[in-house]
C-alpha atoms as a PDB file:
ATOM      1  CA  MET A   1      45.945  54.908  76.039  1.00  0.00           C
ATOM      2  CA  ALA A   2      48.192  56.881  78.171  1.00  0.00           C
ATOM      3  CA  ASP A   3      50.420  55.102  80.534  1.00  0.00           C
ATOM      4  CA  GLU A   4      48.885  55.080  83.902  1.00  0.00           C
ATOM      5  CA  ARG A   5      51.898  53.352  85.558  1.00  0.00           C
ATOM      6  CA  PRO A   6      52.985  55.560  89.032  1.00  0.00           C
ATOM      7  CA  PRO A   7      56.261  57.349  88.927  1.00  0.00           C
ATOM      8  CA  PRO A   8      59.126  54.933  89.839  1.00  0.00           C
ATOM      9  CA  THR A   9      60.230  55.436  93.606  1.00  0.00           C
ATOM     10  CA  TYR A  10      64.100  55.762  93.907  1.00  0.00           C
ATOM     11  CA  PHE A  11      65.937  54.877  97.097  1.00  0.00           C
ATOM     12  CA  GLY A  12      68.892  57.116  97.372  1.00  0.00           C
ATOM     13  CA  ALA A  13      70.083  59.101  94.482  1.00  0.00           C
ATOM     14  CA  PRO A  14      67.937  59.154  91.111  1.00  0.00           C
ATOM     15  CA  PRO A  15      69.927  57.341  88.149  1.00  0.00           C
ATOM     16  CA  ARG A  16      72.109  60.096  86.000  1.00  0.00           C
ATOM     17  CA  SER A  17      71.948  60.293  82.503  1.00  0.00           C
ATOM     18  CA  LEU A  18      74.303  58.644  80.087  1.00  0.00           C
ATOM     19  CA  ALA A  19      75.879  62.282  79.487  1.00  0.00           C
ATOM     20  CA  ALA A  20      76.766  62.589  83.261  1.00  0.00           C
ATOM     21  CA  GLY A  21      78.280  59.379  83.501  1.00  0.00           C
ATOM     22  CA  ALA A  22      80.240  60.153  80.130  1.00  0.00           C
ATOM     23  CA  ALA A  23      81.451  63.426  81.416  1.00  0.00           C
ATOM     24  CA  PHE A  24      82.498  61.779  84.368  1.00  0.00           C
ATOM     25  CA  ALA A  25      84.410  58.697  82.525  1.00  0.00           C
ATOM     26  CA  ALA A  26      86.074  61.413  80.421  1.00  0.00           C
ATOM     27  CA  ARG A  27      87.330  63.493  83.378  1.00  0.00           C
ATOM     28  CA  ALA A  28      88.411  60.049  84.984  1.00  0.00           C
ATOM     29  CA  ALA A  29      90.298  59.324  82.008  1.00  0.00           C
ATOM     30  CA  ALA A  30      92.104  62.696  81.592  1.00  0.00           C
ATOM     31  CA  ARG A  31      93.322  62.612  85.286  1.00  0.00           C
ATOM     32  CA  LEU A  32      94.573  59.077  84.568  1.00  0.00           C
ATOM     33  CA  ARG A  33      96.390  60.463  81.818  1.00  0.00           C
ATOM     34  CA  MET A  34      97.511  63.398  83.264  1.00  0.00           C
ATOM     35  CA  LEU A  35      98.921  61.141  86.434  1.00  0.00           C
ATOM     36  CA  ALA A  36     100.848  58.523  84.164  1.00  0.00           C
ATOM     37  CA  GLY A  37     102.268  61.541  82.655  1.00  0.00           C
ATOM     38  CA  PHE A  38     103.280  62.724  85.918  1.00  0.00           C
ATOM     39  CA  ALA A  39     105.119  59.245  86.550  1.00  0.00           C
ATOM     40  CA  ALA A  40     106.564  58.960  83.555  1.00  0.00           C
ATOM     41  CA  ARG A  41     108.303  62.423  83.810  1.00  0.00           C
ATOM     42  CA  THR A  42     109.252  62.146  87.513  1.00  0.00           C
ATOM     43  CA  ALA A  43     110.550  58.500  86.634  1.00  0.00           C
ATOM     44  CA  ARG A  44     112.582  60.058  83.661  1.00  0.00           C
ATOM     45  CA  ALA A  45     114.049  63.131  85.752  1.00  0.00           C
ATOM     46  CA  TRP A  46     115.366  60.679  88.260  1.00  0.00           C
ATOM     47  CA  MET A  47     116.813  58.104  86.002  1.00  0.00           C
ATOM     48  CA  VAL A  48     118.633  60.910  84.271  1.00  0.00           C
ATOM     49  CA  ALA A  49     119.909  62.025  87.595  1.00  0.00           C
ATOM     50  CA  ALA A  50     120.769  58.406  88.681  1.00  0.00           C
ATOM     51  CA  ARG A  51     122.790  58.057  85.448  1.00  0.00           C
ATOM     52  CA  GLY A  52     124.991  61.369  86.019  1.00  0.00           C
ATOM     53  CA  LEU A  53     125.208  60.178  89.440  1.00  0.00           C
ATOM     54  CA  VAL A  54     126.713  56.806  88.667  1.00  0.00           C
ATOM     55  CA  SER A  55     129.259  58.396  86.505  1.00  0.00           C
ATOM     56  CA  LEU A  56     130.022  61.302  89.127  1.00  0.00           C
ATOM     57  CA  ARG A  57     130.708  58.596  91.798  1.00  0.00           C
ATOM     58  CA  LEU A  58     132.694  56.376  89.462  1.00  0.00           C
ATOM     59  CA  GLU A  59     135.127  59.422  88.450  1.00  0.00           C
ATOM     60  CA  ARG A  60     135.037  59.994  92.451  1.00  0.00           C
ATOM     61  CA  ARG A  61     136.113  56.693  92.929  1.00  0.00           C
ATOM     62  CA  ARG A  62     139.008  57.017  90.704  1.00  0.00           C
ATOM     63  CA  LEU A  63     140.200  60.366  92.030  1.00  0.00           C
ATOM     64  CA  GLU A  64     140.096  58.700  95.715  1.00  0.00           C
ATOM     65  CA  ARG A  65     142.279  55.728  94.343  1.00  0.00           C
ATOM     66  CA  SER A  66     144.580  58.563  92.822  1.00  0.00           C
ATOM     67  CA  ARG A  67     144.467  60.589  96.006  1.00  0.00           C
ATOM     68  CA  ALA A  68     145.493  57.873  98.239  1.00  0.00           C
ATOM     69  CA  THR A  69     149.004  57.033  95.992  1.00  0.00           C
ATOM     70  CA  LEU A  70     149.654  60.573  95.799  1.00  0.00           C
ATOM     71  CA  GLN A  71     149.583  60.531  99.781  1.00  0.00           C
ATOM     72  CA  TYR A  72     151.528  57.492  99.998  1.00  0.00           C
ATOM     73  CA  GLU A  73     154.163  59.058  97.341  1.00  0.00           C
ATOM     74  CA  LEU A  74     153.986  62.325  99.248  1.00  0.00           C
ATOM     75  CA  GLY A  75     154.652  60.381 102.588  1.00  0.00           C
ATOM     76  CA  GLY A  76     157.847  58.809 100.842  1.00  0.00           C
ATOM     77  CA  ALA A  77     159.011  62.244  99.172  1.00  0.00           C
ATOM     78  CA  ALA A  78     159.023  63.619 102.671  1.00  0.00           C
ATOM     79  CA  LEU A  79     160.732  61.193 104.258  1.00  0.00           C
ATOM     80  CA  ALA A  80     163.501  61.308 101.607  1.00  0.00           C
ATOM     81  CA  GLU A  81     163.119  65.290 102.029  1.00  0.00           C
ATOM     82  CA  ASP A  82     163.099  65.525  98.410  1.00  0.00           C
ATOM     83  CA  ALA A  83     161.564  69.442  98.511  1.00  0.00           C
ATOM     84  CA  GLU A  84     160.687  69.519  94.943  1.00  0.00           C
ATOM     85  CA  LEU A  85     159.320  66.537  94.743  1.00  0.00           C
ATOM     86  CA  VAL A  86     157.304  67.151  98.030  1.00  0.00           C
ATOM     87  CA  ASP A  87     156.199  70.718  96.497  1.00  0.00           C
ATOM     88  CA  GLU A  88     154.992  68.816  93.224  1.00  0.00           C
ATOM     89  CA  LEU A  89     153.170  66.079  94.864  1.00  0.00           C
ATOM     90  CA  ARG A  90     151.529  68.798  97.112  1.00  0.00           C
ATOM     91  CA  GLY A  91     150.428  70.564  94.241  1.00  0.00           C
ATOM     92  CA  ARG A  92     149.063  67.369  92.434  1.00  0.00           C
ATOM     93  CA  LEU A  93     147.169  66.414  95.830  1.00  0.00           C
ATOM     94  CA  ARG A  94     145.615  69.705  96.163  1.00  0.00           C
ATOM     95  CA  ALA A  95     144.140  69.820  92.756  1.00  0.00           C
ATOM     96  CA  CYS A  96     142.871  66.044  93.303  1.00  0.00           C
ATOM     97  CA  VAL A  97     141.362  67.168  96.328  1.00  0.00           C
ATOM     98  CA  GLY A  98     139.928  70.121  94.356  1.00  0.00           C
ATOM     99  CA  GLU A  99     138.463  67.959  91.767  1.00  0.00           C
ATOM    100  CA  CYS A 100     136.690  65.605  94.272  1.00  0.00           C
ATOM    101  CA  GLU A 101     134.921  68.603  95.838  1.00  0.00           C
ATOM    102  CA  ARG A 102     133.795  69.711  92.535  1.00  0.00           C
ATOM    103  CA  LEU A 103     132.235  66.377  91.695  1.00  0.00           C
ATOM    104  CA  GLU A 104     130.546  66.242  95.062  1.00  0.00           C
ATOM    105  CA  ARG A 105     129.023  69.539  94.168  1.00  0.00           C
ATOM    106  CA  GLU A 106     128.075  68.463  90.860  1.00  0.00           C
ATOM    107  CA  ALA A 107     126.403  65.602  92.632  1.00  0.00           C
ATOM    108  CA  ARG A 108     124.562  67.515  94.944  1.00  0.00           C
ATOM    109  CA  ALA A 109     123.080  69.882  92.354  1.00  0.00           C
ATOM    110  CA  THR A 110     122.178  66.836  89.994  1.00  0.00           C
ATOM    111  CA  VAL A 111     120.072  65.482  92.867  1.00  0.00           C
ATOM    112  CA  ALA A 112     118.684  69.155  93.722  1.00  0.00           C
ATOM    113  CA  HIS A 113     117.796  69.420  89.997  1.00  0.00           C
ATOM    114  CA  ALA A 114     115.873  66.079  89.805  1.00  0.00           C
ATOM    115  CA  ARG A 115     113.891  67.332  93.271  1.00  0.00           C
ATOM    116  CA  SER A 116     113.262  70.588  91.777  1.00  0.00           C
ATOM    117  CA  GLN A 117     111.939  68.590  88.671  1.00  0.00           C
ATOM    118  CA  THR A 118     109.597  66.258  90.785  1.00  0.00           C
ATOM    119  CA  ALA A 119     108.496  69.217  92.949  1.00  0.00           C
ATOM    120  CA  GLU A 120     107.241  71.187  89.673  1.00  0.00           C
ATOM    121  CA  GLU A 121     105.755  67.806  88.578  1.00  0.00           C
ATOM    122  CA  ARG A 122     103.750  67.367  91.969  1.00  0.00           C
ATOM    123  CA  SER A 123     102.324  70.767  91.909  1.00  0.00           C
ATOM    124  CA  ALA A 124     101.031  70.521  88.676  1.00  0.00           C
ATOM    125  CA  ALA A 125      99.366  67.304  89.058  1.00  0.00           C
ATOM    126  CA  ALA A 126      97.921  68.488  92.448  1.00  0.00           C
ATOM    127  CA  ARG A 127      94.075  69.044  92.513  1.00  0.00           C
ATOM    128  CA  THR A 128      92.756  72.547  92.956  1.00  0.00           C
ATOM    129  CA  GLU A 129      91.250  72.683  96.675  1.00  0.00           C
ATOM    130  CA  ILE A 130      88.101  74.893  97.527  1.00  0.00           C
ATOM    131  CA  HIS A 131      88.466  75.855 101.618  1.00  0.00           C
ATOM    132  CA  PRO A 132      85.347  77.319 103.237  1.00  0.00           C
ATOM    133  CA  ARG A 133      86.799  80.382 105.805  1.00  0.00           C
ATOM    134  CA  PRO A 134      86.614  79.708 109.436  1.00  0.00           C
ATOM    135  CA  SER A 135      83.873  82.235 109.760  1.00  0.00           C
ATOM    136  CA  ALA A 136      80.430  80.876 109.179  1.00  0.00           C
ATOM    137  CA  ARG A 137      78.813  84.218 108.941  1.00  0.00           C
ATOM    138  CA  HIS A 138      80.991  85.030 105.882  1.00  0.00           C
ATOM    139  CA  ARG A 139      79.888  82.968 103.031  1.00  0.00           C
ATOM    140  CA  GLN A 140      83.250  83.788 101.140  1.00  0.00           C
ATOM    141  CA  TRP A 141      85.512  80.999  99.993  1.00  0.00           C
ATOM    142  CA  ALA A 142      88.923  80.715  98.328  1.00  0.00           C
ATOM    143  CA  ILE A 143      90.521  78.693  95.670  1.00  0.00           C
ATOM    144  CA  LEU A 144      93.666  77.499  96.034  1.00  0.00           C
ATOM    145  CA  ASP A 145      95.569  75.805  93.212  1.00  0.00           C
ATOM    146  CA  SER A 146      99.271  74.781  92.517  1.00  0.00           C
ATOM    147  CA  ASN A 147     100.316  78.425  92.312  1.00  0.00           C
ATOM    148  CA  GLN A 148     100.496  78.677  96.392  1.00  0.00           C
ATOM    149  CA  GLY A 149     103.321  76.091  96.634  1.00  0.00           C
ATOM    150  CA  PRO A 150     103.917  73.202  99.094  1.00  0.00           C
ATOM    151  CA  PRO A 151     102.078  73.341 102.555  1.00  0.00           C
ATOM    152  CA  PRO A 152     104.108  74.391 105.667  1.00  0.00           C
ATOM    153  CA  TYR A 153     104.722  70.811 106.418  1.00  0.00           C
ATOM    154  CA  GLN A 154     106.240  69.478 102.835  1.00  0.00           C
ATOM    155  CA  SER A 155     108.710  72.817 102.659  1.00  0.00           C
ATOM    156  CA  GLY A 156     110.722  71.093 105.215  1.00  0.00           C
ATOM    157  CA  ALA A 157     110.607  67.918 103.695  1.00  0.00           C
ATOM    158  CA  LEU A 158     111.813  68.957 100.464  1.00  0.00           C
ATOM    159  CA  THR A 159     115.234  70.073 101.629  1.00  0.00           C
ATOM    160  CA  ASN A 160     117.974  68.325 103.031  1.00  0.00           C
END
């Protein structure tokens, strides 16, 4: 005897097959792995930058103390009117100031490098978006992916 039960009535969407659920779970797991990799690579980029910045700032602090000592000695040499010592101390002071400026440029470059790595990782992790055209007459669409770069409001936020 055939099954004479009426077909079931569904309220809302009909149940999905197990294959669809497994595909959804696989996509979610892949997205989670991708986001975890993004977080790890971003954290690594900033940790490397922080380590470099700490060493640069320690070196700069040492140079600032040396600069203060040189300025004090230069004042004493100028007061004593020792022209040779004044010229020597001026040269050493200029070299010290130049080294401080070099360290500052290197610190800025380190931060810029970390920012660019983070921006590249962020754009790689961004989802692809499909935007409809503004005109309803044309049934065309466009795919925007990570190749377009940051939106206009983000381009200013990523710079100093």
